[in-house]
Amino acid sequence: MHGEGARTASQGGAFDTGSTSGGKSGAFTAPSKAGSCAFVCTFHPDMKKTLTVR
């Protein structure tokens, strides 16, 4: 699966990095409101994390 790329999106659409090619990076603007936001890799749904804004 390495080299396939990724797309990371939050539930509710707070952010979406768009697609990135394998070995590349992406960027997004984090939500300005404090709190936690679950996100997942669209292509690899077992890859789940939580972004915490303080």
Protein backbone atom coordinates (compact mmCIF):
# COMPACT_ATOMS: atom_id res chain seq x y z
CA MET A 1 0.00 0.00 0.00
CA HIS A 2 2.97 2.35 0.30
CA GLY A 3 3.11 4.91 -2.48
CA GLU A 4 -0.65 4.96 -3.09
CA GLY A 5 -1.30 8.30 -1.41
CA ALA A 6 -3.87 9.34 1.13
CA ARG A 7 -6.82 11.60 1.75
CA THR A 8 -7.63 12.67 5.29
CA ALA A 9 -11.03 14.05 6.20
CA SER A 10 -12.86 14.82 9.42
CA GLN A 11 -16.35 13.75 10.24
CA GLY A 12 -18.65 16.68 9.66
CA GLY A 13 -16.29 18.29 7.12
CA ALA A 14 -14.23 20.45 9.50
CA PHE A 15 -11.19 19.79 7.32
CA ASP A 16 -10.08 17.75 4.33
CA THR A 17 -6.47 17.52 3.16
CA GLY A 18 -7.42 16.33 -0.30
CA SER A 19 -5.47 13.57 -2.03
CA THR A 20 -1.69 13.38 -1.70
CA SER A 21 0.69 11.15 -3.62
CA GLY A 22 2.79 8.55 -1.80
CA GLY A 23 5.82 10.13 -0.15
CA LYS A 24 4.30 13.63 -0.35
CA SER A 25 2.70 15.74 2.36
CA GLY A 26 -0.46 17.79 2.54
CA ALA A 27 -1.58 20.77 4.61
CA PHE A 28 -4.81 22.17 5.98
CA THR A 29 -5.93 24.94 8.31
CA ALA A 30 -6.92 23.50 11.67
CA PRO A 31 -10.30 24.52 13.05
CA SER A 32 -9.94 27.70 15.15
CA LYS A 33 -12.42 26.57 17.80
CA ALA A 34 -10.97 24.55 20.70
CA GLY A 35 -12.08 20.94 20.86
CA SER A 36 -11.47 17.49 19.43
CA CYS A 37 -12.22 16.28 15.94
CA ALA A 38 -12.03 12.66 14.79
CA PHE A 39 -10.53 12.07 11.35
CA VAL A 40 -9.89 9.14 9.04
CA CYS A 41 -7.87 8.30 5.94
CA THR A 42 -10.45 7.95 3.18
CA PHE A 43 -8.36 5.34 1.34
CA HIS A 44 -7.34 3.41 4.49
CA PRO A 45 -10.41 3.51 6.79
CA ASP A 46 -8.59 1.64 9.59
CA MET A 47 -6.33 4.70 9.98
CA LYS A 48 -8.27 6.80 12.50
CA LYS A 49 -6.99 9.57 14.80
CA THR A 50 -8.20 12.58 16.76
CA LEU A 51 -7.06 16.17 16.23
CA THR A 52 -7.19 18.25 19.42
CA VAL A 53 -7.22 22.05 19.20
CA ARG A 54 -6.49 23.86 22.46
